C-alpha atoms as a PDB file:
ATOM      1  CA  UNK A   1       0.000   0.000   0.000  1.00  0.00           C
ATOM      2  CA  UNK A   2       2.819   2.361   0.872  1.00  0.00           C
ATOM      3  CA  UNK A   3       4.447   1.608  -2.482  1.00  0.00           C
ATOM      4  CA  UNK A   4       1.232   2.485  -4.322  1.00  0.00           C
ATOM      5  CA  UNK A   5       0.936   5.765  -2.431  1.00  0.00           C
ATOM      6  CA  UNK A   6       4.589   6.583  -3.128  1.00  0.00           C
ATOM      7  CA  UNK A   7       4.214   5.873  -6.844  1.00  0.00           C
ATOM      8  CA  UNK A   8       1.063   7.997  -6.994  1.00  0.00           C
ATOM      9  CA  UNK A   9       2.807  10.900  -5.304  1.00  0.00           C
ATOM     10  CA  UNK A  10       5.760  10.626  -7.658  1.00  0.00           C
ATOM     11  CA  UNK A  11       3.399  10.627 -10.655  1.00  0.00           C
ATOM     12  CA  UNK A  12       1.595  13.741  -9.434  1.00  0.00           C
ATOM     13  CA  UNK A  13       4.924  15.440  -8.800  1.00  0.00           C
ATOM     14  CA  UNK A  14       6.114  14.621 -12.327  1.00  0.00           C
ATOM     15  CA  UNK A  15       2.909  15.951 -13.863  1.00  0.00           C
ATOM     16  CA  UNK A  16       3.241  19.165 -11.880  1.00  0.00           C
ATOM     17  CA  UNK A  17       6.804  19.632 -13.070  1.00  0.00           C
ATOM     18  CA  UNK A  18       5.808  18.957 -16.688  1.00  0.00           C
ATOM     19  CA  UNK A  19       3.276  21.783 -16.570  1.00  0.00           C
ATOM     20  CA  UNK A  20       5.793  24.364 -15.375  1.00  0.00           C
ATOM     21  CA  UNK A  21       7.777  26.391 -17.870  1.00  0.00           C
ATOM     22  CA  UNK A  22       9.505  29.742 -18.031  1.00  0.00           C
ATOM     23  CA  UNK A  23      10.902  31.913 -20.816  1.00  0.00           C
ATOM     24  CA  UNK A  24      12.374  35.415 -20.670  1.00  0.00           C
ATOM     25  CA  UNK A  25      11.771  37.576 -23.742  1.00  0.00           C
ATOM     26  CA  UNK A  26      12.469  41.038 -25.114  1.00  0.00           C
ATOM     27  CA  UNK A  27      10.584  42.426 -28.101  1.00  0.00           C
ATOM     28  CA  UNK A  28      11.565  44.880 -30.833  1.00  0.00           C
ATOM     29  CA  UNK A  29      10.058  46.484 -33.925  1.00  0.00           C
ATOM     30  CA  UNK A  30      12.061  48.199 -36.668  1.00  0.00           C
ATOM     31  CA  UNK A  31      15.206  47.846 -34.528  1.00  0.00           C
ATOM     32  CA  UNK A  32      13.626  49.899 -31.731  1.00  0.00           C
ATOM     33  CA  UNK A  33      13.367  48.237 -28.347  1.00  0.00           C
ATOM     34  CA  UNK A  34       9.753  48.313 -27.176  1.00  0.00           C
ATOM     35  CA  UNK A  35       9.896  46.684 -23.762  1.00  0.00           C
ATOM     36  CA  UNK A  36      11.060  43.652 -21.820  1.00  0.00           C
ATOM     37  CA  UNK A  37       8.569  40.990 -20.831  1.00  0.00           C
ATOM     38  CA  UNK A  38       8.782  37.739 -18.929  1.00  0.00           C
ATOM     39  CA  UNK A  39       6.491  34.787 -19.607  1.00  0.00           C
ATOM     40  CA  UNK A  40       6.538  32.095 -16.912  1.00  0.00           C
ATOM     41  CA  UNK A  41       3.017  30.705 -16.849  1.00  0.00           C
ATOM     42  CA  UNK A  42       2.036  34.387 -16.588  1.00  0.00           C
ATOM     43  CA  UNK A  43       1.890  36.611 -19.674  1.00  0.00           C
ATOM     44  CA  UNK A  44       2.278  40.381 -19.672  1.00  0.00           C
ATOM     45  CA  UNK A  45       0.883  42.916 -22.151  1.00  0.00           C
ATOM     46  CA  UNK A  46       1.200  46.549 -21.102  1.00  0.00           C
ATOM     47  CA  UNK A  47      -1.422  47.786 -23.577  1.00  0.00           C
ATOM     48  CA  UNK A  48      -4.255  45.640 -22.193  1.00  0.00           C
ATOM     49  CA  UNK A  49      -5.942  45.915 -18.829  1.00  0.00           C
ATOM     50  CA  UNK A  50      -5.522  42.410 -17.428  1.00  0.00           C
ATOM     51  CA  UNK A  51      -2.875  39.701 -17.541  1.00  0.00           C
ATOM     52  CA  UNK A  52      -3.858  36.153 -18.503  1.00  0.00           C
ATOM     53  CA  UNK A  53      -2.445  32.757 -17.654  1.00  0.00           C
ATOM     54  CA  UNK A  54      -0.041  31.356 -20.246  1.00  0.00           C
ATOM     55  CA  UNK A  55      -1.862  28.754 -22.297  1.00  0.00           C
ATOM     56  CA  UNK A  56      -1.111  25.230 -23.402  1.00  0.00           C
ATOM     57  CA  UNK A  57      -3.147  23.448 -26.042  1.00  0.00           C
ATOM     58  CA  UNK A  58      -3.198  20.079 -27.783  1.00  0.00           C
ATOM     59  CA  UNK A  59      -4.798  21.402 -30.969  1.00  0.00           C
ATOM     60  CA  UNK A  60      -3.570  24.113 -33.298  1.00  0.00           C
ATOM     61  CA  UNK A  61      -5.998  26.863 -34.388  1.00  0.00           C
ATOM     62  CA  UNK A  62      -7.684  26.058 -37.694  1.00  0.00           C
ATOM     63  CA  UNK A  63      -8.086  29.776 -38.369  1.00  0.00           C
ATOM     64  CA  UNK A  64      -5.421  31.061 -40.772  1.00  0.00           C
ATOM     65  CA  UNK A  65      -6.184  34.715 -41.239  1.00  0.00           C
ATOM     66  CA  UNK A  66      -8.344  37.242 -43.058  1.00  0.00           C
ATOM     67  CA  UNK A  67      -7.845  39.612 -45.944  1.00  0.00           C
ATOM     68  CA  UNK A  68      -7.427  42.435 -43.425  1.00  0.00           C
ATOM     69  CA  UNK A  69      -4.319  41.209 -41.540  1.00  0.00           C
ATOM     70  CA  UNK A  70      -1.902  38.399 -42.401  1.00  0.00           C
ATOM     71  CA  UNK A  71       1.674  37.276 -41.792  1.00  0.00           C
ATOM     72  CA  UNK A  72       3.803  37.548 -44.910  1.00  0.00           C
ATOM     73  CA  UNK A  73       6.966  35.826 -43.644  1.00  0.00           C
ATOM     74  CA  UNK A  74       8.698  34.576 -40.490  1.00  0.00           C
ATOM     75  CA  UNK A  75      12.116  33.217 -39.610  1.00  0.00           C
ATOM     76  CA  UNK A  76      14.151  32.032 -36.610  1.00  0.00           C
ATOM     77  CA  UNK A  77      17.695  32.915 -35.553  1.00  0.00           C
ATOM     78  CA  UNK A  78      19.423  30.496 -33.149  1.00  0.00           C
ATOM     79  CA  UNK A  79      21.765  32.259 -30.743  1.00  0.00           C
ATOM     80  CA  UNK A  80      22.754  30.439 -27.531  1.00  0.00           C
ATOM     81  CA  UNK A  81      23.947  26.846 -27.048  1.00  0.00           C
ATOM     82  CA  UNK A  82      26.054  26.772 -23.888  1.00  0.00           C
ATOM     83  CA  UNK A  83      26.836  23.044 -23.927  1.00  0.00           C
ATOM     84  CA  UNK A  84      27.348  22.866 -27.727  1.00  0.00           C
ATOM     85  CA  UNK A  85      24.999  19.895 -28.144  1.00  0.00           C
ATOM     86  CA  UNK A  86      23.072  21.404 -31.041  1.00  0.00           C
ATOM     87  CA  UNK A  87      20.070  22.462 -28.923  1.00  0.00           C
ATOM     88  CA  UNK A  88      19.691  26.178 -28.268  1.00  0.00           C
ATOM     89  CA  UNK A  89      18.257  27.951 -25.232  1.00  0.00           C
ATOM     90  CA  UNK A  90      18.486  31.392 -26.873  1.00  0.00           C
ATOM     91  CA  UNK A  91      16.743  32.318 -30.126  1.00  0.00           C
ATOM     92  CA  UNK A  92      14.887  35.114 -31.920  1.00  0.00           C
ATOM     93  CA  UNK A  93      11.639  34.858 -33.865  1.00  0.00           C
ATOM     94  CA  UNK A  94      11.117  37.579 -36.486  1.00  0.00           C
ATOM     95  CA  UNK A  95       7.939  38.008 -38.511  1.00  0.00           C
ATOM     96  CA  UNK A  96       6.566  40.493 -41.002  1.00  0.00           C
ATOM     97  CA  UNK A  97       2.817  40.971 -40.613  1.00  0.00           C
ATOM     98  CA  UNK A  98       0.881  43.106 -43.095  1.00  0.00           C
ATOM     99  CA  UNK A  99      -2.523  44.773 -43.226  1.00  0.00           C
ATOM    100  CA  UNK A 100      -4.970  45.918 -45.884  1.00  0.00           C
ATOM    101  CA  UNK A 101      -5.345  49.213 -44.006  1.00  0.00           C
ATOM    102  CA  UNK A 102      -2.862  52.062 -43.757  1.00  0.00           C
ATOM    103  CA  UNK A 103      -2.170  50.972 -40.176  1.00  0.00           C
ATOM    104  CA  UNK A 104      -3.513  48.508 -37.635  1.00  0.00           C
ATOM    105  CA  UNK A 105      -2.808  48.011 -33.921  1.00  0.00           C
ATOM    106  CA  UNK A 106      -2.208  44.359 -33.011  1.00  0.00           C
ATOM    107  CA  UNK A 107      -0.529  42.093 -30.497  1.00  0.00           C
ATOM    108  CA  UNK A 108       0.976  38.617 -30.917  1.00  0.00           C
ATOM    109  CA  UNK A 109       1.041  35.385 -28.917  1.00  0.00           C
ATOM    110  CA  UNK A 110       3.872  32.925 -29.579  1.00  0.00           C
ATOM    111  CA  UNK A 111       3.888  29.200 -28.829  1.00  0.00           C
ATOM    112  CA  UNK A 112       6.392  26.329 -28.874  1.00  0.00           C
ATOM    113  CA  UNK A 113       5.049  22.908 -29.798  1.00  0.00           C
ATOM    114  CA  UNK A 114       5.999  19.245 -30.072  1.00  0.00           C
ATOM    115  CA  UNK A 115       3.629  16.554 -31.390  1.00  0.00           C
ATOM    116  CA  UNK A 116       0.682  18.944 -31.640  1.00  0.00           C
ATOM    117  CA  UNK A 117       1.001  20.124 -28.032  1.00  0.00           C
ATOM    118  CA  UNK A 118       1.748  23.849 -27.857  1.00  0.00           C
ATOM    119  CA  UNK A 119       2.747  26.004 -24.898  1.00  0.00           C
ATOM    120  CA  UNK A 120       2.603  29.794 -24.888  1.00  0.00           C
ATOM    121  CA  UNK A 121       5.961  31.407 -24.160  1.00  0.00           C
ATOM    122  CA  UNK A 122       5.393  35.058 -25.101  1.00  0.00           C
ATOM    123  CA  UNK A 123       2.393  37.422 -25.122  1.00  0.00           C
ATOM    124  CA  UNK A 124       3.482  40.691 -26.712  1.00  0.00           C
ATOM    125  CA  UNK A 125       2.637  44.304 -26.074  1.00  0.00           C
ATOM    126  CA  UNK A 126       0.657  46.224 -28.686  1.00  0.00           C
ATOM    127  CA  UNK A 127       2.480  47.191 -31.878  1.00  0.00           C
ATOM    128  CA  UNK A 128       1.439  48.793 -35.157  1.00  0.00           C
ATOM    129  CA  UNK A 129       1.431  47.388 -38.674  1.00  0.00           C
ATOM    130  CA  UNK A 130       1.827  49.828 -41.554  1.00  0.00           C
ATOM    131  CA  UNK A 131       0.186  48.449 -44.689  1.00  0.00           C
ATOM    132  CA  UNK A 132       2.552  46.058 -46.459  1.00  0.00           C
ATOM    133  CA  UNK A 133       5.675  47.857 -45.257  1.00  0.00           C
ATOM    134  CA  UNK A 134       8.572  45.445 -44.724  1.00  0.00           C
ATOM    135  CA  UNK A 135      10.178  47.833 -42.222  1.00  0.00           C
ATOM    136  CA  UNK A 136       7.683  47.006 -39.455  1.00  0.00           C
ATOM    137  CA  UNK A 137       9.127  43.536 -38.770  1.00  0.00           C
ATOM    138  CA  UNK A 138       8.450  42.419 -35.196  1.00  0.00           C
ATOM    139  CA  UNK A 139      11.114  40.473 -33.280  1.00  0.00           C
ATOM    140  CA  UNK A 140      10.938  38.470 -30.053  1.00  0.00           C
ATOM    141  CA  UNK A 141      14.294  37.574 -28.522  1.00  0.00           C
ATOM    142  CA  UNK A 142      13.907  34.716 -26.040  1.00  0.00           C
ATOM    143  CA  UNK A 143      15.888  32.728 -23.513  1.00  0.00           C
ATOM    144  CA  UNK A 144      14.202  29.508 -22.415  1.00  0.00           C
ATOM    145  CA  UNK A 145      14.781  29.285 -18.670  1.00  0.00           C
ATOM    146  CA  UNK A 146      13.121  26.031 -17.590  1.00  0.00           C
ATOM    147  CA  UNK A 147      10.617  23.351 -18.519  1.00  0.00           C
ATOM    148  CA  UNK A 148      11.495  22.822 -22.200  1.00  0.00           C
ATOM    149  CA  UNK A 149      13.172  19.449 -22.811  1.00  0.00           C
ATOM    150  CA  UNK A 150      15.725  19.035 -25.605  1.00  0.00           C
ATOM    151  CA  UNK A 151      13.682  18.496 -28.762  1.00  0.00           C
ATOM    152  CA  UNK A 152      12.858  19.788 -32.243  1.00  0.00           C
ATOM    153  CA  UNK A 153      10.116  22.371 -31.746  1.00  0.00           C
ATOM    154  CA  UNK A 154       7.559  24.053 -33.960  1.00  0.00           C
ATOM    155  CA  UNK A 155       6.759  27.748 -33.521  1.00  0.00           C
ATOM    156  CA  UNK A 156       3.188  28.989 -33.842  1.00  0.00           C
ATOM    157  CA  UNK A 157       2.319  32.706 -34.047  1.00  0.00           C
ATOM    158  CA  UNK A 158      -1.097  34.228 -33.448  1.00  0.00           C
ATOM    159  CA  UNK A 159      -1.871  37.876 -34.279  1.00  0.00           C
ATOM    160  CA  UNK A 160      -4.836  39.592 -32.595  1.00  0.00           C
ATOM    161  CA  UNK A 161      -6.617  42.878 -33.145  1.00  0.00           C
ATOM    162  CA  UNK A 162      -5.490  45.059 -30.209  1.00  0.00           C
ATOM    163  CA  UNK A 163      -8.880  46.768 -29.831  1.00  0.00           C
ATOM    164  CA  UNK A 164     -11.166  43.724 -29.936  1.00  0.00           C
ATOM    165  CA  UNK A 165      -8.771  40.822 -29.145  1.00  0.00           C
ATOM    166  CA  UNK A 166     -10.106  39.093 -32.265  1.00  0.00           C
ATOM    167  CA  UNK A 167      -7.772  36.478 -33.735  1.00  0.00           C
ATOM    168  CA  UNK A 168      -6.693  37.839 -37.114  1.00  0.00           C
ATOM    169  CA  UNK A 169      -3.883  35.559 -38.324  1.00  0.00           C
ATOM    170  CA  UNK A 170      -2.189  32.260 -37.521  1.00  0.00           C
ATOM    171  CA  UNK A 171       1.233  31.287 -38.848  1.00  0.00           C
ATOM    172  CA  UNK A 172       2.963  27.973 -38.093  1.00  0.00           C
ATOM    173  CA  UNK A 173       4.995  25.143 -39.556  1.00  0.00           C
ATOM    174  CA  UNK A 174       2.254  24.430 -42.089  1.00  0.00           C
ATOM    175  CA  UNK A 175       2.652  28.007 -43.331  1.00  0.00           C
ATOM    176  CA  UNK A 176       6.456  28.197 -43.335  1.00  0.00           C
ATOM    177  CA  UNK A 177       9.181  25.531 -43.139  1.00  0.00           C
ATOM    178  CA  UNK A 178      11.345  27.984 -41.191  1.00  0.00           C
ATOM    179  CA  UNK A 179       9.131  27.433 -38.140  1.00  0.00           C
ATOM    180  CA  UNK A 180       9.564  23.655 -37.803  1.00  0.00           C
ATOM    181  CA  UNK A 181      12.343  21.405 -36.502  1.00  0.00           C
ATOM    182  CA  UNK A 182      13.871  24.138 -34.353  1.00  0.00           C
ATOM    183  CA  UNK A 183      16.393  22.445 -31.976  1.00  0.00           C
ATOM    184  CA  UNK A 184      15.706  24.003 -28.564  1.00  0.00           C
ATOM    185  CA  UNK A 185      16.085  23.312 -24.856  1.00  0.00           C
ATOM    186  CA  UNK A 186      15.714  25.426 -21.739  1.00  0.00           C
ATOM    187  CA  UNK A 187      18.759  26.387 -19.684  1.00  0.00           C
ATOM    188  CA  UNK A 188      17.983  23.747 -17.052  1.00  0.00           C
ATOM    189  CA  UNK A 189      18.778  21.176 -19.769  1.00  0.00           C
ATOM    190  CA  UNK A 190      22.039  22.868 -20.779  1.00  0.00           C
ATOM    191  CA  UNK A 191      24.888  20.751 -19.406  1.00  0.00           C
ATOM    192  CA  UNK A 192      28.095  22.495 -18.415  1.00  0.00           C
ATOM    193  CA  UNK A 193      30.955  20.584 -16.813  1.00  0.00           C
ATOM    194  CA  UNK A 194      32.488  22.400 -13.866  1.00  0.00           C
ATOM    195  CA  UNK A 195      36.152  22.002 -13.060  1.00  0.00           C
ATOM    196  CA  UNK A 196      38.031  23.173 -10.001  1.00  0.00           C
ATOM    197  CA  UNK A 197      41.560  24.380 -10.724  1.00  0.00           C
ATOM    198  CA  UNK A 198      44.040  25.202  -7.934  1.00  0.00           C
ATOM    199  CA  UNK A 199      47.105  27.259  -8.727  1.00  0.00           C
ATOM    200  CA  UNK A 200      50.114  26.460  -6.588  1.00  0.00           C
ATOM    201  CA  UNK A 201      53.784  27.119  -7.088  1.00  0.00           C
ATOM    202  CA  UNK A 202      53.436  28.223 -10.670  1.00  0.00           C
ATOM    203  CA  UNK A 203      51.446  25.090 -11.668  1.00  0.00           C
ATOM    204  CA  UNK A 204      47.763  24.207 -11.880  1.00  0.00           C
ATOM    205  CA  UNK A 205      46.009  21.031 -10.788  1.00  0.00           C
ATOM    206  CA  UNK A 206      42.425  20.049 -11.559  1.00  0.00           C
ATOM    207  CA  UNK A 207      40.081  18.576  -8.974  1.00  0.00           C
ATOM    208  CA  UNK A 208      40.375  15.167 -10.638  1.00  0.00           C
ATOM    209  CA  UNK A 209      44.163  15.288 -10.382  1.00  0.00           C
ATOM    210  CA  UNK A 210      44.042  16.201  -6.700  1.00  0.00           C
ATOM    211  CA  UNK A 211      41.562  13.397  -6.005  1.00  0.00           C
ATOM    212  CA  UNK A 212      43.807  10.882  -7.794  1.00  0.00           C
ATOM    213  CA  UNK A 213      46.840  11.982  -5.765  1.00  0.00           C
ATOM    214  CA  UNK A 214      44.888  11.647  -2.513  1.00  0.00           C
ATOM    215  CA  UNK A 215      43.753   8.119  -3.437  1.00  0.00           C
ATOM    216  CA  UNK A 216      47.300   7.153  -4.340  1.00  0.00           C
ATOM    217  CA  UNK A 217      48.619   8.505  -1.048  1.00  0.00           C
ATOM    218  CA  UNK A 218      45.968   6.552   0.884  1.00  0.00           C
ATOM    219  CA  UNK A 219      46.790   3.363  -0.987  1.00  0.00           C
ATOM    220  CA  UNK A 220      50.506   3.719  -0.208  1.00  0.00           C
ATOM    221  CA  UNK A 221      49.750   4.355   3.477  1.00  0.00           C
ATOM    222  CA  UNK A 222      47.662   1.172   3.680  1.00  0.00           C
ATOM    223  CA  UNK A 223      50.396  -0.897   2.059  1.00  0.00           C
ATOM    224  CA  UNK A 224      53.098   0.496   4.344  1.00  0.00           C
ATOM    225  CA  UNK A 225      51.054  -0.223   7.477  1.00  0.00           C
ATOM    226  CA  UNK A 226      50.466  -3.828   6.410  1.00  0.00           C
END
């Protein structure tokens, strides 16, 4: 009975950990820094009145835009791989959204997904689109902090009308190959090997070397006493 209870508790603990994630992001438009935001199961958007919980979903939106607002192109720049294993914890998503009107105020929600399960990692502030101008590209620079295992991710972008919060455009791996098979991992999955180095008498000795010398000294002491 105790074993069953223990296993159940471990399962609940694992589920709780799987639902926790954190990503730190900064957003830019036309090379001008707009603001810094942090998404860690809580999303921030300065232009709207209330914050909302970061979302996870097991189904992608079927809605792919209107003739009023659409995403013309998107691309990803990989930037930080501390353990050099090919999976990056730092990256930037850039996308060029256009509008039929002279200008339109919008905001974006960005997700990372694997096997049709998507988790929101950034909820942007309001920004303005100017017709089909390519100079209004919006960029989200992100560091994944925790909760994202090493995997090939898909990026999904939603664009909303800032006044009505109506979903206006969806852009994902079905829309653009640049948004699929992105090798990512959060920093808690970045492995870095630490090494202690002691400088003495003009030389340096690593922790492993010191440990080996101590073991050798102990072995010699045992042999001499016997």
